[in-house]
């Protein structure tokens, strides 16, 4: 185990699997006490069990981040258990799927915005007072390359773009109180849901990989490593940043001549 996050308390939303779970495991391995949040308690508890079996400290909390009442309960628990918060990772999201604006149902738009944009707003609103109790903190928000280059998923793309504007404003507003706010924009990441989709489309998957200059899609650990840097004191002069973890896909493509 490392010590880059020693004595820090970190809360990660949507952490029962994928990027969230990998980030929770990495943070715990680096010394943080980790609050593993998800709407599926059994999944969060499984991540916590794995962390504890490796000698780490973690707590599973079930909460829907779009529910103010459930978040109030979660953040009260964090304060009671740990006395404050050093790191918030806004990871949880909801996607509308591959829909165009004319196909998108209003209730699907609402659910996507509620979880993907409103949820981080509500979490950040409650996290900042706990960070101030500890003299500052780091807010890390998962946006997407979709926010910078429209591909699909109308509501998801809108929400992820909104996160960039909101979280950069927070960086400006709270920097003098030692609270940093940064974003990560991942490309395609090999989560379970992603791979389930592409396993049924092997030819499309090969074409997808060829679009990335580094020749592969990303892994949850690729994103977690970036989050670790932003959570640690190594990034103490980094705030308002939009960090690409995208295998170079937004750089452009090499054309054979």
Protein backbone atom coordinates (compact mmCIF):
# COMPACT_ATOMS: atom_id res chain seq x y z
CA UNK A 1 0.00 0.00 0.00
CA UNK A 2 1.11 3.55 -0.75
CA UNK A 3 0.64 6.75 1.22
CA UNK A 4 -0.22 9.41 -1.34
CA UNK A 5 -3.66 9.86 0.29
CA UNK A 6 -2.69 9.06 3.87
CA UNK A 7 -5.11 10.58 6.44
CA UNK A 8 -7.49 11.71 3.69
CA UNK A 9 -11.20 10.87 3.53
CA UNK A 10 -12.63 10.33 0.05
CA UNK A 11 -16.22 9.88 -1.13
CA UNK A 12 -16.79 8.29 -4.54
CA UNK A 13 -20.26 8.17 -6.07
CA UNK A 14 -21.43 5.36 -8.33
CA UNK A 15 -18.61 3.17 -7.05
CA UNK A 16 -20.08 -0.35 -7.14
CA UNK A 17 -18.29 -1.07 -10.42
CA UNK A 18 -16.27 0.31 -13.31
CA UNK A 19 -14.32 3.53 -12.87
CA UNK A 20 -15.82 4.24 -9.44
CA UNK A 21 -14.89 0.86 -7.97
CA UNK A 22 -11.36 0.97 -9.38
CA UNK A 23 -10.88 4.49 -8.03
CA UNK A 24 -12.12 3.40 -4.60
CA UNK A 25 -9.68 0.49 -4.53
CA UNK A 26 -6.76 2.64 -5.65
CA UNK A 27 -7.51 5.44 -3.17
CA UNK A 28 -7.76 2.93 -0.33
CA UNK A 29 -4.47 1.34 -1.37
CA UNK A 30 -2.91 4.81 -1.17
CA UNK A 31 -4.08 5.30 2.42
CA UNK A 32 -7.45 7.04 2.15
CA UNK A 33 -10.55 6.12 4.11
CA UNK A 34 -13.04 5.61 1.29
CA UNK A 35 -16.81 6.06 1.30
CA UNK A 36 -18.18 3.84 -1.48
CA UNK A 37 -21.55 5.15 -2.64
CA UNK A 38 -23.99 3.50 -5.01
CA UNK A 39 -27.70 2.96 -5.50
CA UNK A 40 -27.00 -0.79 -5.32
CA UNK A 41 -25.85 -1.42 -1.75
CA UNK A 42 -24.73 -5.00 -2.38
CA UNK A 43 -22.34 -3.81 -5.08
CA UNK A 44 -20.89 -1.11 -2.83
CA UNK A 45 -20.51 -3.62 0.00
CA UNK A 46 -18.64 -6.01 -2.30
CA UNK A 47 -16.12 -3.27 -3.13
CA UNK A 48 -15.74 -2.44 0.57
CA UNK A 49 -15.18 -6.09 1.44
CA UNK A 50 -12.38 -6.28 -1.12
CA UNK A 51 -10.77 -3.11 0.22
CA UNK A 52 -10.93 -4.32 3.82
CA UNK A 53 -9.51 -7.72 2.90
CA UNK A 54 -6.47 -5.86 1.55
CA UNK A 55 -6.05 -3.90 4.76
CA UNK A 56 -7.83 -0.72 3.69
CA UNK A 57 -10.59 1.31 5.31
CA UNK A 58 -13.94 1.77 3.59
CA UNK A 59 -17.64 2.33 4.22
CA UNK A 60 -20.52 1.43 1.89
CA UNK A 61 -23.42 3.90 1.70
CA UNK A 62 -26.54 3.42 -0.39
CA UNK A 63 -27.92 6.69 -1.79
CA UNK A 64 -29.45 8.04 -4.98
CA UNK A 65 -27.43 11.17 -5.71
CA UNK A 66 -30.44 12.85 -7.31
CA UNK A 67 -32.30 12.71 -3.95
CA UNK A 68 -31.49 15.59 -1.56
CA UNK A 69 -32.87 13.66 1.42
CA UNK A 70 -30.73 10.61 0.73
CA UNK A 71 -27.66 12.78 0.23
CA UNK A 72 -28.31 14.63 3.49
CA UNK A 73 -28.27 11.27 5.27
CA UNK A 74 -25.07 10.20 3.50
CA UNK A 75 -23.11 13.37 4.20
CA UNK A 76 -24.27 13.43 7.82
CA UNK A 77 -22.92 9.90 8.14
CA UNK A 78 -19.60 10.94 6.60
CA UNK A 79 -19.26 13.85 9.02
CA UNK A 80 -20.19 11.72 12.03
CA UNK A 81 -17.82 8.90 11.07
CA UNK A 82 -14.83 10.83 9.73
CA UNK A 83 -15.22 14.43 10.92
CA UNK A 84 -15.02 15.94 7.44
CA UNK A 85 -14.13 15.19 3.84
CA UNK A 86 -10.99 15.74 1.77
CA UNK A 87 -11.89 14.34 -1.65
CA UNK A 88 -15.15 14.05 -3.59
CA UNK A 89 -15.25 12.08 -6.84
CA UNK A 90 -18.43 12.84 -8.79
CA UNK A 91 -18.56 9.65 -10.82
CA UNK A 92 -22.18 8.44 -10.85
CA UNK A 93 -24.20 9.09 -14.01
CA UNK A 94 -27.24 8.06 -15.97
CA UNK A 95 -27.26 7.80 -19.77
CA UNK A 96 -30.15 8.25 -22.16
CA UNK A 97 -28.56 5.82 -24.62
CA UNK A 98 -27.83 6.49 -28.26
CA UNK A 99 -30.78 8.77 -29.02
CA UNK A 100 -31.17 11.89 -31.13
CA UNK A 101 -33.02 14.88 -29.77
CA UNK A 102 -36.14 14.11 -31.81
CA UNK A 103 -36.26 10.57 -30.37
CA UNK A 104 -35.53 11.52 -26.77
CA UNK A 105 -38.42 11.20 -24.31
CA UNK A 106 -38.76 14.05 -21.82
CA UNK A 107 -38.74 11.70 -18.82
CA UNK A 108 -35.48 10.14 -20.02
CA UNK A 109 -33.97 13.62 -20.43
CA UNK A 110 -35.08 14.49 -16.89
CA UNK A 111 -33.61 11.35 -15.33
CA UNK A 112 -30.31 11.79 -17.17
CA UNK A 113 -29.97 15.42 -16.12
CA UNK A 114 -31.07 14.66 -12.54
CA UNK A 115 -28.35 12.07 -11.97
CA UNK A 116 -25.56 13.25 -14.27
CA UNK A 117 -25.72 17.02 -13.71
CA UNK A 118 -27.96 17.75 -10.73
CA UNK A 119 -26.44 14.89 -8.70
CA UNK A 120 -22.89 16.31 -8.77
CA UNK A 121 -24.33 19.75 -7.94
CA UNK A 122 -26.09 18.35 -4.87
CA UNK A 123 -23.04 16.32 -3.79
CA UNK A 124 -20.64 19.23 -4.23
CA UNK A 125 -22.99 21.57 -2.36
CA UNK A 126 -22.86 19.22 0.64
CA UNK A 127 -19.17 18.32 0.33
CA UNK A 128 -17.75 21.84 0.44
CA UNK A 129 -18.73 22.57 4.08
CA UNK A 130 -17.12 19.27 5.15
CA UNK A 131 -13.98 20.11 3.20
CA UNK A 132 -13.77 23.49 4.87
CA UNK A 133 -13.70 21.69 8.22
CA UNK A 134 -10.47 20.04 7.05
CA UNK A 135 -8.91 23.21 5.62
CA UNK A 136 -9.68 22.51 1.95
CA UNK A 137 -10.14 19.62 -0.44
CA UNK A 138 -10.24 18.26 -3.95
CA UNK A 139 -13.37 17.83 -6.07
CA UNK A 140 -12.90 15.53 -9.07
CA UNK A 141 -15.75 15.29 -11.55
CA UNK A 142 -16.07 12.79 -14.35
CA UNK A 143 -17.16 14.51 -17.55
CA UNK A 144 -16.65 12.91 -20.98
CA UNK A 145 -15.12 13.44 -24.39
CA UNK A 146 -18.77 13.77 -25.46
CA UNK A 147 -18.78 17.18 -23.80
CA UNK A 148 -15.99 18.34 -26.11
CA UNK A 149 -16.88 16.52 -29.31
CA UNK A 150 -20.51 15.54 -29.84
CA UNK A 151 -20.90 11.87 -30.72
CA UNK A 152 -24.24 10.61 -29.41
CA UNK A 153 -26.45 10.52 -26.29
CA UNK A 154 -28.13 13.91 -26.37
CA UNK A 155 -29.02 14.32 -22.68
CA UNK A 156 -25.80 12.71 -21.43
CA UNK A 157 -23.70 14.96 -23.66
CA UNK A 158 -25.58 18.06 -22.45
CA UNK A 159 -25.14 17.05 -18.82
CA UNK A 160 -21.45 16.32 -19.19
CA UNK A 161 -20.92 19.68 -20.89
CA UNK A 162 -22.77 21.41 -18.06
CA UNK A 163 -20.44 19.77 -15.54
CA UNK A 164 -17.42 21.41 -17.14
CA UNK A 165 -18.93 24.89 -16.85
CA UNK A 166 -20.15 24.36 -13.28
CA UNK A 167 -17.03 22.76 -11.88
CA UNK A 168 -14.65 25.28 -13.41
CA UNK A 169 -16.72 28.05 -11.82
CA UNK A 170 -16.37 26.29 -8.47
CA UNK A 171 -12.60 26.26 -8.98
CA UNK A 172 -12.66 30.04 -9.36
CA UNK A 173 -15.04 30.64 -6.47
CA UNK A 174 -13.39 28.40 -3.87
CA UNK A 175 -9.71 28.45 -4.75
CA UNK A 176 -8.96 31.03 -2.06
CA UNK A 177 -10.37 28.58 0.49
CA UNK A 178 -8.05 25.79 -0.70
CA UNK A 179 -10.74 23.81 -2.46
CA UNK A 180 -9.69 22.60 -5.89
CA UNK A 181 -12.13 21.49 -8.60
CA UNK A 182 -10.98 19.56 -11.66
CA UNK A 183 -12.56 17.39 -14.33
CA UNK A 184 -11.61 14.22 -16.17
CA UNK A 185 -12.92 13.56 -19.68
CA UNK A 186 -12.49 9.87 -20.48
CA UNK A 187 -12.83 8.30 -23.89
CA UNK A 188 -14.24 4.79 -24.31
CA UNK A 189 -13.53 2.78 -21.15
CA UNK A 190 -13.69 -1.00 -20.87
CA UNK A 191 -16.32 -1.24 -18.15
CA UNK A 192 -18.57 -4.29 -17.89
CA UNK A 193 -21.50 -2.57 -19.60
CA UNK A 194 -19.29 -1.23 -22.36
CA UNK A 195 -17.73 -4.61 -23.08
CA UNK A 196 -21.10 -6.38 -23.01
CA UNK A 197 -22.20 -4.01 -25.76
CA UNK A 198 -19.09 -4.48 -27.90
CA UNK A 199 -18.81 -8.25 -27.47
CA UNK A 200 -21.89 -8.50 -29.66
CA UNK A 201 -20.28 -6.21 -32.25
CA UNK A 202 -16.68 -7.45 -32.70
CA UNK A 203 -16.14 -5.81 -36.09
CA UNK A 204 -17.33 -2.48 -34.77
CA UNK A 205 -15.07 -2.87 -31.74
CA UNK A 206 -12.00 -3.34 -33.92
CA UNK A 207 -12.92 -0.21 -35.86
CA UNK A 208 -13.44 1.68 -32.60
CA UNK A 209 -9.99 0.72 -31.31
CA UNK A 210 -8.43 1.84 -34.59
CA UNK A 211 -9.83 5.34 -34.03
CA UNK A 212 -7.63 5.77 -30.94
CA UNK A 213 -4.04 6.84 -31.68
CA UNK A 214 -2.81 4.58 -28.86
CA UNK A 215 -4.53 1.61 -30.48
CA UNK A 216 -6.77 0.55 -27.61
CA UNK A 217 -9.68 1.69 -25.50
CA UNK A 218 -9.10 2.74 -21.92
CA UNK A 219 -9.37 0.84 -18.68
CA UNK A 220 -10.92 1.95 -15.38
CA UNK A 221 -7.40 2.06 -13.94
CA UNK A 222 -6.35 4.60 -16.59
CA UNK A 223 -8.98 6.98 -15.23
CA UNK A 224 -8.38 6.08 -11.58
CA UNK A 225 -4.67 6.93 -11.95
CA UNK A 226 -5.57 10.42 -13.14
CA UNK A 227 -8.06 10.81 -10.28
CA UNK A 228 -5.35 9.78 -7.81
CA UNK A 229 -3.07 12.56 -9.04
CA UNK A 230 -5.88 15.12 -8.75
CA UNK A 231 -6.80 13.88 -5.26
CA UNK A 232 -3.24 13.97 -3.98
CA UNK A 233 -1.13 16.90 -2.84
CA UNK A 234 0.98 16.43 -5.97
CA UNK A 235 -1.67 18.44 -7.83
CA UNK A 236 -1.82 21.22 -5.24
CA UNK A 237 -1.49 23.91 -7.94
CA UNK A 238 -3.97 22.33 -10.34
CA UNK A 239 -7.56 23.57 -10.37
CA UNK A 240 -10.13 24.30 -13.06
CA UNK A 241 -8.42 21.77 -15.32
CA UNK A 242 -10.19 19.60 -17.88
CA UNK A 243 -7.96 16.54 -18.12
CA UNK A 244 -8.33 14.27 -21.14
CA UNK A 245 -7.89 10.54 -20.54
CA UNK A 246 -8.88 9.56 -24.04
CA UNK A 247 -6.06 7.67 -25.73
CA UNK A 248 -5.56 10.69 -27.96
CA UNK A 249 -8.87 10.43 -29.80
CA UNK A 250 -9.53 14.15 -29.61
CA UNK A 251 -6.09 14.90 -31.03
CA UNK A 252 -7.18 13.84 -34.47
CA UNK A 253 -6.42 10.86 -36.68
CA UNK A 254 -3.39 9.83 -38.66
CA UNK A 255 -4.19 9.53 -42.33
CA UNK A 256 -2.13 7.17 -44.46
CA UNK A 257 -0.63 8.70 -47.60
